[in-house]
């Protein structure tokens, strides 16, 4: 019995201390999408043209234009998912292409006739083979 009352007392003190804490009533500042870029450039020796070039490069690197365009119109969640998926696909294809160029990875070649029905696909496969052979020659394997 004594143990239970002791625990109740501890719970009451915890609740009391929790409830006596002051609330932060300051209004939450919504972050503006332009605040993320911190596009500041220092003008040195009065050379404004160079500062403008540097600023343009910074904005281009941070995809400022894309961000502005995105904020201009509402993007549906399905469109957002589609865009993200396309970006991931593009990243993966770039990674595979670079890995093939380094020689870390070799893409498997499709077999059979079914997939090669169109001229475009067969040409694409032939070009890929040629590129791979050229890479191998450049690396000194042939």
Protein backbone atom coordinates (compact mmCIF):
# COMPACT_ATOMS: atom_id res chain seq x y z
CA UNK A 1 0.00 0.00 0.00
CA UNK A 2 2.79 2.33 0.89
CA UNK A 3 4.49 1.69 -2.46
CA UNK A 4 1.35 2.59 -4.40
CA UNK A 5 0.82 5.91 -2.58
CA UNK A 6 4.49 6.74 -3.13
CA UNK A 7 4.07 6.19 -6.87
CA UNK A 8 0.88 8.27 -6.93
CA UNK A 9 2.77 11.08 -5.24
CA UNK A 10 5.53 10.91 -7.89
CA UNK A 11 2.97 10.96 -10.69
CA UNK A 12 1.26 14.02 -9.18
CA UNK A 13 4.53 15.94 -8.92
CA UNK A 14 5.41 15.06 -12.50
CA UNK A 15 1.99 16.19 -13.74
CA UNK A 16 2.21 19.38 -11.72
CA UNK A 17 5.65 20.24 -13.08
CA UNK A 18 4.53 19.39 -16.60
CA UNK A 19 1.46 21.61 -16.37
CA UNK A 20 3.34 24.53 -14.85
CA UNK A 21 5.74 24.80 -17.77
CA UNK A 22 5.23 27.97 -19.77
CA UNK A 23 3.90 27.62 -23.26
CA UNK A 24 5.69 29.17 -26.15
CA UNK A 25 2.97 31.51 -27.43
CA UNK A 26 5.08 33.12 -30.10
CA UNK A 27 3.47 32.79 -33.52
CA UNK A 28 5.25 30.24 -35.66
CA UNK A 29 6.92 31.87 -38.60
CA UNK A 30 6.15 30.07 -41.81
CA UNK A 31 9.31 29.58 -43.82
CA UNK A 32 9.13 31.27 -47.15
CA UNK A 33 10.46 29.20 -50.03
CA UNK A 34 12.80 32.02 -51.06
CA UNK A 35 14.46 32.01 -47.62
CA UNK A 36 16.11 28.66 -48.30
CA UNK A 37 18.41 29.95 -51.01
CA UNK A 38 20.44 32.58 -49.16
CA UNK A 39 21.46 34.07 -52.46
CA UNK A 40 23.99 36.60 -51.26
CA UNK A 41 27.00 37.69 -53.26
CA UNK A 42 29.80 39.97 -52.19
CA UNK A 43 30.79 42.66 -54.69
CA UNK A 44 34.58 42.94 -54.69
CA UNK A 45 36.52 45.89 -56.07
CA UNK A 46 33.32 47.39 -57.49
CA UNK A 47 33.05 44.58 -60.08
CA UNK A 48 29.28 44.26 -60.28
CA UNK A 49 29.27 42.22 -63.51
CA UNK A 50 31.28 39.42 -61.93
CA UNK A 51 29.03 39.46 -58.86
CA UNK A 52 25.97 39.09 -61.12
CA UNK A 53 27.59 36.14 -62.92
CA UNK A 54 28.37 34.47 -59.58
CA UNK A 55 24.81 35.11 -58.37
CA UNK A 56 23.33 33.60 -61.52
CA UNK A 57 25.49 30.49 -61.07
CA UNK A 58 24.42 30.15 -57.45
CA UNK A 59 20.76 30.46 -58.37
CA UNK A 60 21.16 27.96 -61.19
CA UNK A 61 22.84 25.45 -58.89
CA UNK A 62 20.08 25.74 -56.31
CA UNK A 63 17.35 25.18 -58.94
CA UNK A 64 15.87 28.55 -58.06
CA UNK A 65 13.96 28.83 -61.33
CA UNK A 66 12.42 25.39 -60.91
CA UNK A 67 11.40 26.22 -57.35
CA UNK A 68 9.71 29.43 -58.46
CA UNK A 69 7.86 27.59 -61.21
CA UNK A 70 6.76 24.90 -58.77
CA UNK A 71 5.39 27.51 -56.36
CA UNK A 72 3.44 29.23 -59.10
CA UNK A 73 0.93 26.41 -59.63
CA UNK A 74 -0.56 23.76 -57.39
CA UNK A 75 0.91 20.32 -57.97
CA UNK A 76 -1.40 17.39 -57.33
CA UNK A 77 0.02 14.66 -55.08
CA UNK A 78 -0.22 12.15 -57.93
CA UNK A 79 1.79 14.48 -60.18
CA UNK A 80 4.33 14.94 -57.40
CA UNK A 81 4.72 11.16 -57.06
CA UNK A 82 5.08 10.80 -60.80
CA UNK A 83 7.75 13.52 -60.92
CA UNK A 84 9.69 11.98 -58.02
CA UNK A 85 9.54 8.56 -59.67
CA UNK A 86 10.85 10.01 -62.95
CA UNK A 87 13.71 11.71 -61.09
CA UNK A 88 14.63 8.46 -59.33
CA UNK A 89 14.51 6.58 -62.62
CA UNK A 90 16.76 9.19 -64.24
CA UNK A 91 19.24 8.98 -61.34
CA UNK A 92 19.32 5.18 -61.56
CA UNK A 93 19.88 5.20 -65.32
CA UNK A 94 22.70 7.72 -64.92
CA UNK A 95 24.27 5.57 -62.20
CA UNK A 96 24.06 2.44 -64.39
CA UNK A 97 25.51 4.31 -67.38
CA UNK A 98 28.42 5.61 -65.29
CA UNK A 99 29.03 2.17 -63.74
CA UNK A 100 29.13 0.63 -67.20
CA UNK A 101 31.60 3.27 -68.34
CA UNK A 102 33.84 2.55 -65.36
CA UNK A 103 33.55 -1.19 -66.00
CA UNK A 104 32.02 -1.88 -62.57
CA UNK A 105 28.81 -3.24 -64.00
CA UNK A 106 27.76 -4.95 -67.18
CA UNK A 107 24.16 -4.76 -68.30
CA UNK A 108 22.67 -8.11 -69.11
CA UNK A 109 21.72 -8.66 -72.71
CA UNK A 110 18.15 -9.65 -73.45
CA UNK A 111 17.69 -12.95 -75.26
CA UNK A 112 14.97 -14.19 -77.56
CA UNK A 113 13.12 -12.63 -80.44
CA UNK A 114 9.96 -11.34 -78.77
CA UNK A 115 11.47 -8.15 -77.37
CA UNK A 116 13.29 -7.31 -80.64
CA UNK A 117 10.25 -6.99 -82.86
CA UNK A 118 10.72 -3.31 -83.62
CA UNK A 119 13.57 -1.78 -85.59
CA UNK A 120 14.05 0.85 -82.90
CA UNK A 121 14.75 -1.74 -80.20
CA UNK A 122 17.13 -3.76 -82.33
CA UNK A 123 18.99 -0.57 -83.35
CA UNK A 124 19.19 0.51 -79.72
CA UNK A 125 20.66 -2.86 -78.74
CA UNK A 126 23.15 -2.79 -81.62
CA UNK A 127 24.27 0.73 -80.67
CA UNK A 128 24.69 -0.29 -77.03
CA UNK A 129 26.88 -3.22 -78.08
CA UNK A 130 28.98 -0.95 -80.27
CA UNK A 131 29.44 1.57 -77.43
CA UNK A 132 30.46 -1.20 -75.06
CA UNK A 133 33.01 -2.59 -77.54
CA UNK A 134 34.40 0.91 -78.09
CA UNK A 135 34.73 1.42 -74.32
CA UNK A 136 36.49 -1.94 -73.98
CA UNK A 137 38.90 -0.99 -76.78
CA UNK A 138 39.61 2.36 -75.16
CA UNK A 139 40.34 0.64 -71.85
CA UNK A 140 42.77 -1.68 -73.65
CA UNK A 141 40.89 -4.96 -73.22
CA UNK A 142 40.97 -5.83 -76.95
